[in-house]
Structures are given as structure tokens and as C-alpha cells.
Amino acid sequence: MTASRHQMTAMAIQLPPTVPSSVPSPCRNVCRVKRGICTGCGRTLAEIEAWPTAPDSERLAIVRRAAGRIRG
């Protein structure tokens, strides 16, 4: 039996485990990056990448910085 292309791709990608959190993601599903910042949530690419494994303290800091980028 041969694995399908989808199954092989899923097996090859190893995502880091997500840290349980009470801080909701600022993602608005408007993912467009302009000058390295998402126009939907205001996060940088590095912040988006760090989100799944960031502790709550870092997530709160990311949310604050992102909100400041959206407002100003």
C-alpha cells in the first residue's frame, strides 16, 4: 500500500506543540503582510511564528505591540 501525497506531506511536517493559553489570538483571518506586518492583526512575521509556543506573558506583550501598530 502506498501513502498518498497528502499523507506523506502530513508526515513530513513536524509542527511544534501549541502551548495551552488563556490569551486569545489577535488573528482576524485577514492575513495580508505589508512591510513585514500583518494588516489584519498587526503582528510581525516573527510574532506570528512565535505565537504557538509563546507563554501567556509573551502573548500579552505581542497583543499589546500589535494593537499599537494597528492604531498608530
PDB file of N, CA and C in Angstrom:
ATOM      1  N   MET A   1       0.829  -1.163   0.000  1.00  0.00           N
ATOM      2  CA  MET A   1       0.000   0.000   0.000  1.00  0.00           C
ATOM      3  C   MET A   1       0.887   1.245   0.000  1.00  0.00           C
ATOM      4  N   THR A   2       0.585   2.197  -0.854  1.00  0.00           N
ATOM      5  CA  THR A   2       1.370   3.409  -0.981  1.00  0.00           C
ATOM      6  C   THR A   2       0.643   4.563  -0.309  1.00  0.00           C
ATOM      7  N   ALA A   3       1.387   5.357   0.434  1.00  0.00           N
ATOM      8  CA  ALA A   3       0.793   6.524   1.087  1.00  0.00           C
ATOM      9  C   ALA A   3       0.489   7.586   0.038  1.00  0.00           C
ATOM     10  N   SER A   4      -0.618   8.264   0.220  1.00  0.00           N
ATOM     11  CA  SER A   4      -0.975   9.331  -0.705  1.00  0.00           C
ATOM     12  C   SER A   4      -0.032  10.511  -0.510  1.00  0.00           C
ATOM     13  N   ARG A   5      -0.034  11.406  -1.482  1.00  0.00           N
ATOM     14  CA  ARG A   5       0.816  12.594  -1.394  1.00  0.00           C
ATOM     15  C   ARG A   5       0.451  13.425  -0.160  1.00  0.00           C
ATOM     16  N   HIS A   6      -0.855  13.548   0.123  1.00  0.00           N
ATOM     17  CA  HIS A   6      -1.308  14.298   1.293  1.00  0.00           C
ATOM     18  C   HIS A   6      -0.793  13.655   2.583  1.00  0.00           C
ATOM     19  N   GLN A   7      -0.878  12.346   2.678  1.00  0.00           N
ATOM     20  CA  GLN A   7      -0.409  11.652   3.875  1.00  0.00           C
ATOM     21  C   GLN A   7       1.094  11.832   4.047  1.00  0.00           C
ATOM     22  N   MET A   8       1.839  11.778   2.950  1.00  0.00           N
ATOM     23  CA  MET A   8       3.284  11.941   3.018  1.00  0.00           C
ATOM     24  C   MET A   8       3.647  13.359   3.450  1.00  0.00           C
ATOM     25  N   THR A   9       2.918  14.353   2.947  1.00  0.00           N
ATOM     26  CA  THR A   9       3.178  15.732   3.335  1.00  0.00           C
ATOM     27  C   THR A   9       2.880  15.920   4.810  1.00  0.00           C
ATOM     28  N   ALA A  10       1.780  15.379   5.273  1.00  0.00           N
ATOM     29  CA  ALA A  10       1.409  15.497   6.683  1.00  0.00           C
ATOM     30  C   ALA A  10       2.449  14.832   7.584  1.00  0.00           C
ATOM     31  N   MET A  11       3.010  13.724   7.138  1.00  0.00           N
ATOM     32  CA  MET A  11       4.023  13.039   7.926  1.00  0.00           C
ATOM     33  C   MET A  11       5.322  13.827   7.966  1.00  0.00           C
ATOM     34  N   ALA A  12       5.652  14.567   6.911  1.00  0.00           N
ATOM     35  CA  ALA A  12       6.912  15.280   6.807  1.00  0.00           C
ATOM     36  C   ALA A  12       6.917  16.570   7.619  1.00  0.00           C
ATOM     37  N   ILE A  13       5.765  17.152   7.843  1.00  0.00           N
ATOM     38  CA  ILE A  13       5.693  18.419   8.562  1.00  0.00           C
ATOM     39  C   ILE A  13       5.576  18.145  10.053  1.00  0.00           C
ATOM     40  N   GLN A  14       6.530  18.633  10.800  1.00  0.00           N
ATOM     41  CA  GLN A  14       6.509  18.474  12.245  1.00  0.00           C
ATOM     42  C   GLN A  14       6.287  19.850  12.872  1.00  0.00           C
ATOM     43  N   LEU A  15       5.077  20.130  13.315  1.00  0.00           N
ATOM     44  CA  LEU A  15       4.777  21.405  13.939  1.00  0.00           C
ATOM     45  C   LEU A  15       5.077  21.332  15.430  1.00  0.00           C
ATOM     46  N   PRO A  16       5.546  22.454  16.006  1.00  0.00           N
ATOM     47  CA  PRO A  16       5.790  22.436  17.451  1.00  0.00           C
ATOM     48  C   PRO A  16       4.471  22.327  18.193  1.00  0.00           C
ATOM     49  N   PRO A  17       4.509  21.715  19.363  1.00  0.00           N
ATOM     50  CA  PRO A  17       3.264  21.627  20.134  1.00  0.00           C
ATOM     51  C   PRO A  17       2.797  23.020  20.539  1.00  0.00           C
ATOM     52  N   THR A  18       1.504  23.230  20.528  1.00  0.00           N
ATOM     53  CA  THR A  18       0.937  24.507  20.922  1.00  0.00           C
ATOM     54  C   THR A  18       0.834  24.564  22.436  1.00  0.00           C
ATOM     55  N   VAL A  19       1.235  25.682  23.002  1.00  0.00           N
ATOM     56  CA  VAL A  19       1.167  25.874  24.443  1.00  0.00           C
ATOM     57  C   VAL A  19      -0.256  26.268  24.815  1.00  0.00           C
ATOM     58  N   PRO A  20      -0.869  25.587  25.784  1.00  0.00           N
ATOM     59  CA  PRO A  20      -2.204  25.982  26.218  1.00  0.00           C
ATOM     60  C   PRO A  20      -2.171  27.421  26.748  1.00  0.00           C
ATOM     61  N   SER A  21      -3.201  28.195  26.436  1.00  0.00           N
ATOM     62  CA  SER A  21      -3.179  29.598  26.809  1.00  0.00           C
ATOM     63  C   SER A  21      -4.582  30.140  27.031  1.00  0.00           C
ATOM     64  N   SER A  22      -4.652  31.163  27.873  1.00  0.00           N
ATOM     65  CA  SER A  22      -5.920  31.857  28.070  1.00  0.00           C
ATOM     66  C   SER A  22      -5.941  33.160  27.274  1.00  0.00           C
ATOM     67  N   VAL A  23      -4.845  33.463  26.571  1.00  0.00           N
ATOM     68  CA  VAL A  23      -4.759  34.684  25.775  1.00  0.00           C
ATOM     69  C   VAL A  23      -5.237  34.373  24.357  1.00  0.00           C
ATOM     70  N   PRO A  24      -6.340  34.979  23.921  1.00  0.00           N
ATOM     71  CA  PRO A  24      -6.836  34.693  22.575  1.00  0.00           C
ATOM     72  C   PRO A  24      -5.941  35.299  21.501  1.00  0.00           C
ATOM     73  N   SER A  25      -5.854  34.622  20.402  1.00  0.00           N
ATOM     74  CA  SER A  25      -5.064  35.105  19.278  1.00  0.00           C
ATOM     75  C   SER A  25      -5.687  36.373  18.701  1.00  0.00           C
ATOM     76  N   PRO A  26      -4.857  37.345  18.325  1.00  0.00           N
ATOM     77  CA  PRO A  26      -5.384  38.558  17.705  1.00  0.00           C
ATOM     78  C   PRO A  26      -5.718  38.367  16.217  1.00  0.00           C
ATOM     79  N   CYS A  27      -5.498  37.174  15.700  1.00  0.00           N
ATOM     80  CA  CYS A  27      -5.741  36.906  14.279  1.00  0.00           C
ATOM     81  C   CYS A  27      -7.198  37.186  13.919  1.00  0.00           C
ATOM     82  N   ARG A  28      -7.381  37.907  12.820  1.00  0.00           N
ATOM     83  CA  ARG A  28      -8.730  38.232  12.330  1.00  0.00           C
ATOM     84  C   ARG A  28      -9.033  37.533  11.006  1.00  0.00           C
ATOM     85  N   ASN A  29      -8.156  36.614  10.613  1.00  0.00           N
ATOM     86  CA  ASN A  29      -8.277  35.899   9.341  1.00  0.00           C
ATOM     87  C   ASN A  29      -8.255  36.849   8.147  1.00  0.00           C
ATOM     88  N   VAL A  30      -7.497  37.917   8.280  1.00  0.00           N
ATOM     89  CA  VAL A  30      -7.241  38.860   7.190  1.00  0.00           C
ATOM     90  C   VAL A  30      -5.718  38.886   7.048  1.00  0.00           C
ATOM     91  N   CYS A  31      -5.193  37.819   6.537  1.00  0.00           N
ATOM     92  CA  CYS A  31      -3.747  37.628   6.529  1.00  0.00           C
ATOM     93  C   CYS A  31      -3.100  38.215   5.279  1.00  0.00           C
ATOM     94  N   ARG A  32      -2.738  39.481   5.389  1.00  0.00           N
ATOM     95  CA  ARG A  32      -2.015  40.164   4.328  1.00  0.00           C
ATOM     96  C   ARG A  32      -0.839  40.865   4.974  1.00  0.00           C
ATOM     97  N   VAL A  33       0.350  40.561   4.497  1.00  0.00           N
ATOM     98  CA  VAL A  33       1.550  41.137   5.089  1.00  0.00           C
ATOM     99  C   VAL A  33       2.046  42.283   4.216  1.00  0.00           C
ATOM    100  N   LYS A  34       2.241  43.423   4.872  1.00  0.00           N
ATOM    101  CA  LYS A  34       2.751  44.610   4.205  1.00  0.00           C
ATOM    102  C   LYS A  34       3.902  45.143   5.050  1.00  0.00           C
ATOM    103  N   ARG A  35       5.069  45.228   4.445  1.00  0.00           N
ATOM    104  CA  ARG A  35       6.268  45.694   5.160  1.00  0.00           C
ATOM    105  C   ARG A  35       6.555  44.864   6.405  1.00  0.00           C
ATOM    106  N   GLY A  36       6.305  43.575   6.323  1.00  0.00           N
ATOM    107  CA  GLY A  36       6.618  42.663   7.414  1.00  0.00           C
ATOM    108  C   GLY A  36       5.605  42.617   8.540  1.00  0.00           C
ATOM    109  N   ILE A  37       4.459  43.297   8.363  1.00  0.00           N
ATOM    110  CA  ILE A  37       3.433  43.318   9.403  1.00  0.00           C
ATOM    111  C   ILE A  37       2.091  42.914   8.801  1.00  0.00           C
ATOM    112  N   CYS A  38       1.375  42.038   9.492  1.00  0.00           N
ATOM    113  CA  CYS A  38       0.050  41.612   9.033  1.00  0.00           C
ATOM    114  C   CYS A  38      -0.916  42.782   9.175  1.00  0.00           C
ATOM    115  N   THR A  39      -1.611  43.114   8.097  1.00  0.00           N
ATOM    116  CA  THR A  39      -2.556  44.230   8.138  1.00  0.00           C
ATOM    117  C   THR A  39      -3.834  43.871   8.896  1.00  0.00           C
ATOM    118  N   GLY A  40      -4.079  42.596   9.114  1.00  0.00           N
ATOM    119  CA  GLY A  40      -5.270  42.167   9.842  1.00  0.00           C
ATOM    120  C   GLY A  40      -5.099  42.245  11.349  1.00  0.00           C
ATOM    121  N   CYS A  41      -3.977  41.720  11.868  1.00  0.00           N
ATOM    122  CA  CYS A  41      -3.798  41.648  13.325  1.00  0.00           C
ATOM    123  C   CYS A  41      -2.695  42.559  13.855  1.00  0.00           C
ATOM    124  N   GLY A  42      -1.838  43.052  12.990  1.00  0.00           N
ATOM    125  CA  GLY A  42      -0.777  43.945  13.423  1.00  0.00           C
ATOM    126  C   GLY A  42       0.486  43.258  13.902  1.00  0.00           C
ATOM    127  N   ARG A  43       0.520  41.931  13.861  1.00  0.00           N
ATOM    128  CA  ARG A  43       1.721  41.220  14.306  1.00  0.00           C
ATOM    129  C   ARG A  43       2.773  41.161  13.210  1.00  0.00           C
ATOM    130  N   THR A  44       4.031  41.090  13.636  1.00  0.00           N
ATOM    131  CA  THR A  44       5.120  40.878  12.694  1.00  0.00           C
ATOM    132  C   THR A  44       5.163  39.391  12.343  1.00  0.00           C
ATOM    133  N   LEU A  45       5.886  39.055  11.306  1.00  0.00           N
ATOM    134  CA  LEU A  45       6.018  37.641  10.940  1.00  0.00           C
ATOM    135  C   LEU A  45       6.671  36.848  12.065  1.00  0.00           C
ATOM    136  N   ALA A  46       7.645  37.442  12.744  1.00  0.00           N
ATOM    137  CA  ALA A  46       8.310  36.756  13.857  1.00  0.00           C
ATOM    138  C   ALA A  46       7.326  36.502  14.997  1.00  0.00           C
ATOM    139  N   GLU A  47       6.445  37.459  15.261  1.00  0.00           N
ATOM    140  CA  GLU A  47       5.450  37.283  16.329  1.00  0.00           C
ATOM    141  C   GLU A  47       4.431  36.213  15.962  1.00  0.00           C
ATOM    142  N   ILE A  48       4.036  36.175  14.708  1.00  0.00           N
ATOM    143  CA  ILE A  48       3.097  35.135  14.251  1.00  0.00           C
ATOM    144  C   ILE A  48       3.739  33.764  14.388  1.00  0.00           C
ATOM    145  N   GLU A  49       5.003  33.659  14.031  1.00  0.00           N
ATOM    146  CA  GLU A  49       5.727  32.389  14.130  1.00  0.00           C
ATOM    147  C   GLU A  49       5.903  31.956  15.583  1.00  0.00           C
ATOM    148  N   ALA A  50       6.145  32.914  16.472  1.00  0.00           N
ATOM    149  CA  ALA A  50       6.394  32.595  17.875  1.00  0.00           C
ATOM    150  C   ALA A  50       5.121  32.254  18.639  1.00  0.00           C
ATOM    151  N   TRP A  51       3.969  32.709  18.148  1.00  0.00           N
ATOM    152  CA  TRP A  51       2.711  32.590  18.888  1.00  0.00           C
ATOM    153  C   TRP A  51       2.398  31.188  19.421  1.00  0.00           C
ATOM    154  N   PRO A  52       2.480  30.132  18.609  1.00  0.00           N
ATOM    155  CA  PRO A  52       2.046  28.802  19.096  1.00  0.00           C
ATOM    156  C   PRO A  52       2.787  28.308  20.340  1.00  0.00           C
ATOM    157  N   THR A  53       4.024  28.706  20.526  1.00  0.00           N
ATOM    158  CA  THR A  53       4.797  28.200  21.657  1.00  0.00           C
ATOM    159  C   THR A  53       5.089  29.272  22.709  1.00  0.00           C
ATOM    160  N   ALA A  54       4.567  30.479  22.520  1.00  0.00           N
ATOM    161  CA  ALA A  54       4.835  31.570  23.461  1.00  0.00           C
ATOM    162  C   ALA A  54       4.020  31.402  24.742  1.00  0.00           C
ATOM    163  N   PRO A  55       4.644  31.700  25.877  1.00  0.00           N
ATOM    164  CA  PRO A  55       3.881  31.679  27.129  1.00  0.00           C
ATOM    165  C   PRO A  55       2.930  32.880  27.168  1.00  0.00           C
ATOM    166  N   ASP A  56       1.980  32.852  28.089  1.00  0.00           N
ATOM    167  CA  ASP A  56       0.991  33.924  28.177  1.00  0.00           C
ATOM    168  C   ASP A  56       1.623  35.304  28.312  1.00  0.00           C
ATOM    169  N   SER A  57       2.689  35.428  29.082  1.00  0.00           N
ATOM    170  CA  SER A  57       3.320  36.740  29.272  1.00  0.00           C
ATOM    171  C   SER A  57       3.803  37.308  27.937  1.00  0.00           C
ATOM    172  N   GLU A  58       4.378  36.460  27.107  1.00  0.00           N
ATOM    173  CA  GLU A  58       4.848  36.911  25.793  1.00  0.00           C
ATOM    174  C   GLU A  58       3.671  37.175  24.862  1.00  0.00           C
ATOM    175  N   ARG A  59       2.634  36.350  24.938  1.00  0.00           N
ATOM    176  CA  ARG A  59       1.449  36.573  24.105  1.00  0.00           C
ATOM    177  C   ARG A  59       0.798  37.920  24.423  1.00  0.00           C
ATOM    178  N   LEU A  60       0.724  38.259  25.707  1.00  0.00           N
ATOM    179  CA  LEU A  60       0.157  39.554  26.098  1.00  0.00           C
ATOM    180  C   LEU A  60       1.000  40.699  25.534  1.00  0.00           C
ATOM    181  N   ALA A  61       2.319  40.550  25.585  1.00  0.00           N
ATOM    182  CA  ALA A  61       3.204  41.577  25.032  1.00  0.00           C
ATOM    183  C   ALA A  61       3.010  41.701  23.518  1.00  0.00           C
ATOM    184  N   ILE A  62       2.851  40.578  22.836  1.00  0.00           N
ATOM    185  CA  ILE A  62       2.625  40.588  21.384  1.00  0.00           C
ATOM    186  C   ILE A  62       1.312  41.299  21.068  1.00  0.00           C
ATOM    187  N   VAL A  63       0.261  40.981  21.824  1.00  0.00           N
ATOM    188  CA  VAL A  63      -1.052  41.604  21.595  1.00  0.00           C
ATOM    189  C   VAL A  63      -0.962  43.116  21.781  1.00  0.00           C
ATOM    190  N   ARG A  64      -0.257  43.552  22.814  1.00  0.00           N
ATOM    191  CA  ARG A  64      -0.116  45.000  23.064  1.00  0.00           C
ATOM    192  C   ARG A  64       0.637  45.693  21.931  1.00  0.00           C
ATOM    193  N   ARG A  65       1.748  45.101  21.518  1.00  0.00           N
ATOM    194  CA  ARG A  65       2.528  45.704  20.425  1.00  0.00           C
ATOM    195  C   ARG A  65       1.718  45.747  19.140  1.00  0.00           C
ATOM    196  N   ALA A  66       1.022  44.642  18.846  1.00  0.00           N
ATOM    197  CA  ALA A  66       0.223  44.569  17.619  1.00  0.00           C
ATOM    198  C   ALA A  66      -0.892  45.601  17.625  1.00  0.00           C
ATOM    199  N   ALA A  67      -1.549  45.768  18.763  1.00  0.00           N
ATOM    200  CA  ALA A  67      -2.630  46.754  18.871  1.00  0.00           C
ATOM    201  C   ALA A  67      -2.100  48.158  18.610  1.00  0.00           C
ATOM    202  N   GLY A  68      -0.899  48.445  19.103  1.00  0.00           N
ATOM    203  CA  GLY A  68      -0.290  49.746  18.860  1.00  0.00           C
ATOM    204  C   GLY A  68       0.018  49.988  17.391  1.00  0.00           C
ATOM    205  N   ARG A  69       0.373  48.940  16.684  1.00  0.00           N
ATOM    206  CA  ARG A  69       0.649  49.079  15.244  1.00  0.00           C
ATOM    207  C   ARG A  69      -0.619  49.332  14.461  1.00  0.00           C
ATOM    208  N   ILE A  70      -1.714  48.719  14.873  1.00  0.00           N
ATOM    209  CA  ILE A  70      -2.984  48.888  14.175  1.00  0.00           C
ATOM    210  C   ILE A  70      -3.513  50.314  14.392  1.00  0.00           C
ATOM    211  N   ARG A  71      -3.407  50.794  15.624  1.00  0.00           N
ATOM    212  CA  ARG A  71      -3.918  52.128  15.958  1.00  0.00           C
ATOM    213  C   ARG A  71      -3.067  53.240  15.387  1.00  0.00           C
ATOM    214  N   GLY A  72      -1.778  53.047  15.376  1.00  0.00           N
ATOM    215  CA  GLY A  72      -0.964  54.200  15.030  1.00  0.00           C
ATOM    216  C   GLY A  72       0.035  53.960  14.002  1.00  0.00           C
TER     217      GLY A  72
END
